[in-house]
Protein backbone atom coordinates (compact mmCIF):
# COMPACT_ATOMS: atom_id res chain seq x y z
CA UNK A 1 105.73 98.21 141.44
CA UNK A 2 109.43 97.42 141.37
CA UNK A 3 110.78 95.68 138.21
CA UNK A 4 112.16 92.42 138.40
CA UNK A 5 115.88 91.78 137.63
CA UNK A 6 114.66 89.46 134.49
CA UNK A 7 112.30 92.18 133.27
CA UNK A 8 115.25 94.36 132.80
CA UNK A 9 117.52 92.54 131.33
CA UNK A 10 114.19 91.22 128.78
CA UNK A 11 114.07 94.69 127.98
CA UNK A 12 117.49 95.15 127.11
CA UNK A 13 117.51 91.46 124.96
CA UNK A 14 114.36 93.17 123.28
CA UNK A 15 116.01 96.65 122.74
CA UNK A 16 118.91 94.52 121.33
CA UNK A 17 117.09 92.65 118.92
CA UNK A 18 115.36 95.67 117.79
CA UNK A 19 118.39 97.02 116.97
CA UNK A 20 119.40 94.12 115.01
CA UNK A 21 116.31 93.55 113.34
CA UNK A 22 116.22 97.37 111.88
CA UNK A 23 119.71 96.95 110.84
CA UNK A 24 118.60 93.96 109.16
CA UNK A 25 115.36 95.95 107.56
CA UNK A 26 117.87 98.74 106.40
CA UNK A 27 120.33 96.69 104.81
CA UNK A 28 117.84 94.35 102.73
CA UNK A 29 116.19 98.10 101.88
CA UNK A 30 119.46 99.03 100.62
CA UNK A 31 119.88 95.73 98.84
CA UNK A 32 116.25 96.18 97.11
CA UNK A 33 117.04 99.66 96.44
CA UNK A 34 120.22 98.66 94.60
CA UNK A 35 118.75 95.82 92.72
CA UNK A 36 115.72 98.66 91.36
CA UNK A 37 118.23 100.84 90.33
CA UNK A 38 120.37 98.19 88.31
CA UNK A 39 116.82 97.11 86.70
CA UNK A 40 115.90 100.43 85.80
CA UNK A 41 119.32 101.28 84.21
CA UNK A 42 119.00 97.48 82.33
CA UNK A 43 115.27 98.60 81.21
CA UNK A 44 116.23 101.99 79.97
CA UNK A 45 118.91 100.71 78.14
CA UNK A 46 116.98 97.91 76.16
CA UNK A 47 113.86 100.40 75.66
CA UNK A 48 116.61 102.56 73.93
CA UNK A 49 117.75 99.41 71.91
CA UNK A 50 114.33 98.75 70.89
CA UNK A 51 113.67 102.30 70.04
CA UNK A 52 116.41 102.73 67.88
CA UNK A 53 115.89 99.77 65.63
CA UNK A 54 112.03 100.39 65.55
CA UNK A 55 112.91 103.64 64.46
CA UNK A 56 114.99 102.26 61.65
CA UNK A 57 112.34 99.19 60.79
CA UNK A 58 109.37 102.75 60.80
CA UNK A 59 111.98 104.74 58.18
CA UNK A 60 112.24 101.67 56.11
CA UNK A 61 108.63 100.83 55.85
CA UNK A 62 107.99 104.60 55.33
CA UNK A 63 110.27 104.93 52.57
CA UNK A 64 109.19 101.36 50.97
CA UNK A 65 105.62 102.79 51.16
CA UNK A 66 106.35 105.89 49.30
CA UNK A 67 108.36 103.53 46.67
CA UNK A 68 105.11 101.53 46.11
CA UNK A 69 102.98 104.47 45.99
CA UNK A 70 105.13 105.69 43.12
CA UNK A 71 105.03 102.88 41.22
CA UNK A 72 101.34 102.65 41.65
CA UNK A 73 100.63 105.98 40.27
CA UNK A 74 103.09 105.15 37.31
CA UNK A 75 100.98 102.45 36.73
CA UNK A 76 98.05 104.06 36.48
CA UNK A 77 99.24 107.09 34.72
CA UNK A 78 100.63 104.50 32.21
CA UNK A 79 97.60 102.50 31.89
CA UNK A 80 95.45 105.64 31.42
CA UNK A 81 97.68 106.40 28.75
CA UNK A 82 96.96 102.87 27.04
CA UNK A 83 93.55 102.84 27.38
CA UNK A 84 93.65 106.52 25.86
CA UNK A 85 95.81 105.47 22.87
CA UNK A 86 93.68 102.23 22.46
CA UNK A 87 90.22 104.87 22.30
CA UNK A 88 91.67 107.24 20.06
CA UNK A 89 91.28 109.87 22.21
CA UNK A 90 94.67 111.14 21.96
């Protein structure tokens, strides 16, 4: 069966449309990839900033806990000494 003249032009039009769509899809995928790369670098920067601030916060909290522990031990030893002196144990 012979191809009609219009059928040949429709095939070439479809091929052109297909090329245009493929180019559009490729460019859209490249834009999406660039946006994802920018988002990834931005998130890494934010997480690094959060990590540095929390490490400082944990260090401060750790120092404060040790300070409170030392004050508590000093108070317990002082009260034990006061109790021992009041009971004439020492």
